[in-house]
Amino acid sequence: MAATSQADARARLQILRKLLEEGTVSTQEELCEALQKKNFSVTQSTVSRDLRRIGAAKTISSSGEVVYRLPEELMIAAPVPTLTTGIKGLLLSIENNGSMIVIKTPPGSASLVAHHLDLTKPDGILGTIAGDDTIFVAPASMKKIESTMEAIVDELS
């Protein structure tokens, strides 16, 4: 039984790699649907684990779309595309509690948005911490937290 599940996992990972090589998949839900069409019974959490296992990451394609890429493709891709049109629309909400700014993004997009903020450093940001769909932003000044939030919104809009 374990040998069969290992063989299934290997086959699923092979198909997942092929789907990512096509360069058109931008969400884990799309990957779930594509794998299910190929007769794999998967959930979003399975796809998420598989993506981590093969080292896939969300990037911006040359056309400005957010897509998953394999590590080999990330090494070949040069120069690193700027995050402009692809980052737009990933900011779902932004709020603060007086000391920390919290940004919500679609699932799987937080690290991409946080990386962009770390690169561009909108006014007033010390740094970011990203989860799957949530980013914590450390503002440089709690007194200027509202203007920092405005700078972030301007950067991501």
C-alpha atoms as a PDB file:
ATOM      1  CA  MET A   1       0.000   0.000   0.000  1.00  0.00           C
ATOM      2  CA  ALA A   2       2.787   2.444   0.906  1.00  0.00           C
ATOM      3  CA  ALA A   3       4.612   1.620  -2.346  1.00  0.00           C
ATOM      4  CA  THR A   4       1.476   2.492  -4.325  1.00  0.00           C
ATOM      5  CA  SER A   5       1.023   5.822  -2.540  1.00  0.00           C
ATOM      6  CA  GLN A   6       4.710   6.636  -3.102  1.00  0.00           C
ATOM      7  CA  ALA A   7       4.319   5.806  -6.796  1.00  0.00           C
ATOM      8  CA  ASP A   8       1.164   7.960  -6.923  1.00  0.00           C
ATOM      9  CA  ALA A   9       2.995  10.830  -5.234  1.00  0.00           C
ATOM     10  CA  ARG A  10       5.908  10.554  -7.671  1.00  0.00           C
ATOM     11  CA  ALA A  11       3.518  10.522 -10.635  1.00  0.00           C
ATOM     12  CA  ARG A  12       1.584  13.492  -9.193  1.00  0.00           C
ATOM     13  CA  LEU A  13       4.800  15.466  -8.678  1.00  0.00           C
ATOM     14  CA  GLN A  14       5.883  14.684 -12.239  1.00  0.00           C
ATOM     15  CA  ILE A  15       2.565  15.971 -13.624  1.00  0.00           C
ATOM     16  CA  LEU A  16       2.750  19.003 -11.316  1.00  0.00           C
ATOM     17  CA  ARG A  17       6.216  19.834 -12.672  1.00  0.00           C
ATOM     18  CA  LYS A  18       4.894  19.591 -16.254  1.00  0.00           C
ATOM     19  CA  LEU A  19       2.006  21.913 -15.412  1.00  0.00           C
ATOM     20  CA  LEU A  20       4.419  24.448 -13.917  1.00  0.00           C
ATOM     21  CA  GLU A  21       6.754  24.213 -16.913  1.00  0.00           C
ATOM     22  CA  GLU A  22       3.850  25.328 -19.114  1.00  0.00           C
ATOM     23  CA  GLY A  23       3.980  28.588 -17.137  1.00  0.00           C
ATOM     24  CA  THR A  24       0.264  29.370 -17.122  1.00  0.00           C
ATOM     25  CA  VAL A  25      -0.862  28.350 -13.637  1.00  0.00           C
ATOM     26  CA  SER A  26      -1.242  31.147 -11.118  1.00  0.00           C
ATOM     27  CA  THR A  27      -3.233  29.610  -8.243  1.00  0.00           C
ATOM     28  CA  GLN A  28      -3.208  26.442  -6.205  1.00  0.00           C
ATOM     29  CA  GLU A  29      -6.885  26.019  -7.041  1.00  0.00           C
ATOM     30  CA  GLU A  30      -6.010  25.907 -10.766  1.00  0.00           C
ATOM     31  CA  LEU A  31      -3.380  23.268 -10.015  1.00  0.00           C
ATOM     32  CA  CYS A  32      -5.934  21.228  -8.033  1.00  0.00           C
ATOM     33  CA  GLU A  33      -8.358  21.317 -10.958  1.00  0.00           C
ATOM     34  CA  ALA A  34      -5.658  20.374 -13.483  1.00  0.00           C
ATOM     35  CA  LEU A  35      -4.463  17.452 -11.336  1.00  0.00           C
ATOM     36  CA  GLN A  36      -8.031  16.288 -10.743  1.00  0.00           C
ATOM     37  CA  LYS A  37      -8.597  16.275 -14.525  1.00  0.00           C
ATOM     38  CA  LYS A  38      -5.617  13.908 -14.685  1.00  0.00           C
ATOM     39  CA  ASN A  39      -7.343  11.600 -12.166  1.00  0.00           C
ATOM     40  CA  PHE A  40      -5.402  12.619  -9.043  1.00  0.00           C
ATOM     41  CA  SER A  41      -7.507  13.075  -5.921  1.00  0.00           C
ATOM     42  CA  VAL A  42      -5.896  16.169  -4.372  1.00  0.00           C
ATOM     43  CA  THR A  43      -6.783  19.023  -2.079  1.00  0.00           C
ATOM     44  CA  GLN A  44      -5.344  22.532  -1.953  1.00  0.00           C
ATOM     45  CA  SER A  45      -3.244  21.545   1.071  1.00  0.00           C
ATOM     46  CA  THR A  46      -1.770  18.585  -0.867  1.00  0.00           C
ATOM     47  CA  VAL A  47      -0.872  20.898  -3.743  1.00  0.00           C
ATOM     48  CA  SER A  48       0.646  23.402  -1.296  1.00  0.00           C
ATOM     49  CA  ARG A  49       2.849  20.670   0.245  1.00  0.00           C
ATOM     50  CA  ASP A  50       3.825  19.400  -3.207  1.00  0.00           C
ATOM     51  CA  LEU A  51       4.793  22.912  -4.330  1.00  0.00           C
ATOM     52  CA  ARG A  52       7.037  23.290  -1.271  1.00  0.00           C
ATOM     53  CA  ARG A  53       8.486  19.810  -1.866  1.00  0.00           C
ATOM     54  CA  ILE A  54       9.581  20.685  -5.420  1.00  0.00           C
ATOM     55  CA  GLY A  55      10.656  24.208  -4.467  1.00  0.00           C
ATOM     56  CA  ALA A  56       8.154  26.058  -6.670  1.00  0.00           C
ATOM     57  CA  ALA A  57       7.661  29.769  -6.103  1.00  0.00           C
ATOM     58  CA  LYS A  58       5.272  32.452  -7.312  1.00  0.00           C
ATOM     59  CA  THR A  59       6.874  34.867  -9.755  1.00  0.00           C
ATOM     60  CA  ILE A  60       5.866  37.444 -12.336  1.00  0.00           C
ATOM     61  CA  SER A  61       5.921  36.253 -15.949  1.00  0.00           C
ATOM     62  CA  SER A  62       7.222  38.400 -18.806  1.00  0.00           C
ATOM     63  CA  SER A  63       3.597  39.294 -19.572  1.00  0.00           C
ATOM     64  CA  GLY A  64       3.108  40.576 -16.006  1.00  0.00           C
ATOM     65  CA  GLU A  65       1.029  37.630 -14.777  1.00  0.00           C
ATOM     66  CA  VAL A  66       1.622  35.934 -11.428  1.00  0.00           C
ATOM     67  CA  VAL A  67       2.616  32.286 -12.086  1.00  0.00           C
ATOM     68  CA  TYR A  68       4.313  29.411 -10.277  1.00  0.00           C
ATOM     69  CA  ARG A  69       7.842  28.520 -11.420  1.00  0.00           C
ATOM     70  CA  LEU A  70      10.199  25.662 -10.684  1.00  0.00           C
ATOM     71  CA  PRO A  71      13.588  26.362  -9.067  1.00  0.00           C
ATOM     72  CA  GLU A  72      15.420  25.608 -12.334  1.00  0.00           C
ATOM     73  CA  GLU A  73      13.309  28.194 -14.149  1.00  0.00           C
ATOM     74  CA  LEU A  74      14.011  30.752 -11.437  1.00  0.00           C
ATOM     75  CA  MET A  75      17.771  30.330 -11.950  1.00  0.00           C
ATOM     76  CA  ILE A  76      17.524  30.734 -15.725  1.00  0.00           C
ATOM     77  CA  ALA A  77      15.164  33.703 -15.659  1.00  0.00           C
ATOM     78  CA  ALA A  78      17.212  36.864 -16.064  1.00  0.00           C
ATOM     79  CA  PRO A  79      16.867  39.662 -15.377  1.00  0.00           C
ATOM     80  CA  VAL A  80      14.439  39.521 -12.484  1.00  0.00           C
ATOM     81  CA  PRO A  81      11.210  41.121 -13.691  1.00  0.00           C
ATOM     82  CA  THR A  82       9.972  44.150 -11.842  1.00  0.00           C
ATOM     83  CA  LEU A  83       6.774  43.648  -9.953  1.00  0.00           C
ATOM     84  CA  THR A  84       4.427  46.143 -11.508  1.00  0.00           C
ATOM     85  CA  THR A  85       1.258  45.046 -13.249  1.00  0.00           C
ATOM     86  CA  GLY A  86       1.407  41.530 -11.775  1.00  0.00           C
ATOM     87  CA  ILE A  87       1.343  42.784  -8.192  1.00  0.00           C
ATOM     88  CA  LYS A  88      -1.750  44.909  -8.704  1.00  0.00           C
ATOM     89  CA  GLY A  89      -4.907  43.412  -7.326  1.00  0.00           C
ATOM     90  CA  LEU A  90      -3.109  41.322  -4.708  1.00  0.00           C
ATOM     91  CA  LEU A  91      -3.868  43.789  -1.899  1.00  0.00           C
ATOM     92  CA  LEU A  92      -7.184  42.655  -0.424  1.00  0.00           C
ATOM     93  CA  SER A  93      -7.101  44.700   2.776  1.00  0.00           C
ATOM     94  CA  ILE A  94      -4.776  46.731   4.969  1.00  0.00           C
ATOM     95  CA  GLU A  95      -5.256  47.745   8.590  1.00  0.00           C
ATOM     96  CA  ASN A  96      -3.253  48.503  11.705  1.00  0.00           C
ATOM     97  CA  ASN A  97      -3.502  48.181  15.461  1.00  0.00           C
ATOM     98  CA  GLY A  98      -1.392  51.236  16.231  1.00  0.00           C
ATOM     99  CA  SER A  99       1.907  49.372  16.187  1.00  0.00           C
ATOM    100  CA  MET A 100       1.750  46.857  13.318  1.00  0.00           C
ATOM    101  CA  ILE A 101       0.288  46.953   9.817  1.00  0.00           C
ATOM    102  CA  VAL A 102      -1.508  43.832   8.603  1.00  0.00           C
ATOM    103  CA  ILE A 103      -2.008  43.225   4.877  1.00  0.00           C
ATOM    104  CA  LYS A 104      -4.284  40.508   3.505  1.00  0.00           C
ATOM    105  CA  THR A 105      -3.625  38.978   0.062  1.00  0.00           C
ATOM    106  CA  PRO A 106      -5.082  36.052  -1.904  1.00  0.00           C
ATOM    107  CA  PRO A 107      -3.819  32.642  -0.666  1.00  0.00           C
ATOM    108  CA  GLY A 108      -0.222  31.993  -1.678  1.00  0.00           C
ATOM    109  CA  SER A 109       0.531  35.633  -2.567  1.00  0.00           C
ATOM    110  CA  ALA A 110       1.787  37.124   0.697  1.00  0.00           C
ATOM    111  CA  SER A 111       5.477  36.279   0.187  1.00  0.00           C
ATOM    112  CA  LEU A 112       5.418  37.772  -3.311  1.00  0.00           C
ATOM    113  CA  VAL A 113       3.875  41.039  -2.077  1.00  0.00           C
ATOM    114  CA  ALA A 114       6.157  41.166   0.978  1.00  0.00           C
ATOM    115  CA  HIS A 115       9.215  40.639  -1.218  1.00  0.00           C
ATOM    116  CA  HIS A 116       8.086  43.511  -3.420  1.00  0.00           C
ATOM    117  CA  LEU A 117       7.641  45.756  -0.367  1.00  0.00           C
ATOM    118  CA  ASP A 118      11.075  44.751   0.941  1.00  0.00           C
ATOM    119  CA  LEU A 119      12.630  45.661  -2.429  1.00  0.00           C
ATOM    120  CA  THR A 120      10.821  48.949  -2.956  1.00  0.00           C
ATOM    121  CA  LYS A 121      10.728  50.047   0.707  1.00  0.00           C
ATOM    122  CA  PRO A 122       7.746  52.419   0.571  1.00  0.00           C
ATOM    123  CA  ASP A 123       8.162  55.294   3.006  1.00  0.00           C
ATOM    124  CA  GLY A 124       8.115  54.191   6.611  1.00  0.00           C
ATOM    125  CA  ILE A 125       8.662  50.417   6.355  1.00  0.00           C
ATOM    126  CA  LEU A 126      11.332  48.687   8.449  1.00  0.00           C
ATOM    127  CA  GLY A 127      10.541  45.198   7.172  1.00  0.00           C
ATOM    128  CA  THR A 128       7.931  42.518   6.557  1.00  0.00           C
ATOM    129  CA  ILE A 129       7.014  39.007   7.644  1.00  0.00           C
ATOM    130  CA  ALA A 130       4.829  36.972   5.289  1.00  0.00           C
ATOM    131  CA  GLY A 131       2.649  33.930   5.760  1.00  0.00           C
ATOM    132  CA  ASP A 132       0.418  32.408   3.103  1.00  0.00           C
ATOM    133  CA  ASP A 133      -2.108  35.229   2.789  1.00  0.00           C
ATOM    134  CA  THR A 134      -1.094  37.671   5.527  1.00  0.00           C
ATOM    135  CA  ILE A 135       1.809  40.113   5.829  1.00  0.00           C
ATOM    136  CA  PHE A 136       2.938  41.845   9.002  1.00  0.00           C
ATOM    137  CA  VAL A 137       4.671  45.131   8.281  1.00  0.00           C
ATOM    138  CA  ALA A 138       6.875  46.758  10.903  1.00  0.00           C
ATOM    139  CA  PRO A 139       6.489  50.522  10.508  1.00  0.00           C
ATOM    140  CA  ALA A 140       9.457  52.791  11.194  1.00  0.00           C
ATOM    141  CA  SER A 141       7.254  55.083  13.279  1.00  0.00           C
ATOM    142  CA  MET A 142       3.984  54.382  15.024  1.00  0.00           C
ATOM    143  CA  LYS A 143       3.194  58.098  14.799  1.00  0.00           C
ATOM    144  CA  LYS A 144       3.355  57.899  10.987  1.00  0.00           C
ATOM    145  CA  ILE A 145       1.582  54.558  10.608  1.00  0.00           C
ATOM    146  CA  GLU A 146      -1.294  56.044   8.577  1.00  0.00           C
ATOM    147  CA  SER A 147       1.074  57.669   6.044  1.00  0.00           C
ATOM    148  CA  THR A 148       3.031  54.395   5.837  1.00  0.00           C
ATOM    149  CA  MET A 149      -0.209  52.568   5.023  1.00  0.00           C
ATOM    150  CA  GLU A 150      -0.964  55.152   2.327  1.00  0.00           C
ATOM    151  CA  ALA A 151       2.519  54.617   0.844  1.00  0.00           C
ATOM    152  CA  ILE A 152       1.922  50.854   0.764  1.00  0.00           C
ATOM    153  CA  VAL A 153      -1.469  51.266  -0.907  1.00  0.00           C
ATOM    154  CA  ASP A 154       0.106  53.631  -3.475  1.00  0.00           C
ATOM    155  CA  GLU A 155       2.871  51.086  -4.160  1.00  0.00           C
ATOM    156  CA  LEU A 156       0.454  48.173  -4.592  1.00  0.00           C
ATOM    157  CA  SER A 157      -2.252  50.000  -6.545  1.00  0.00           C
END
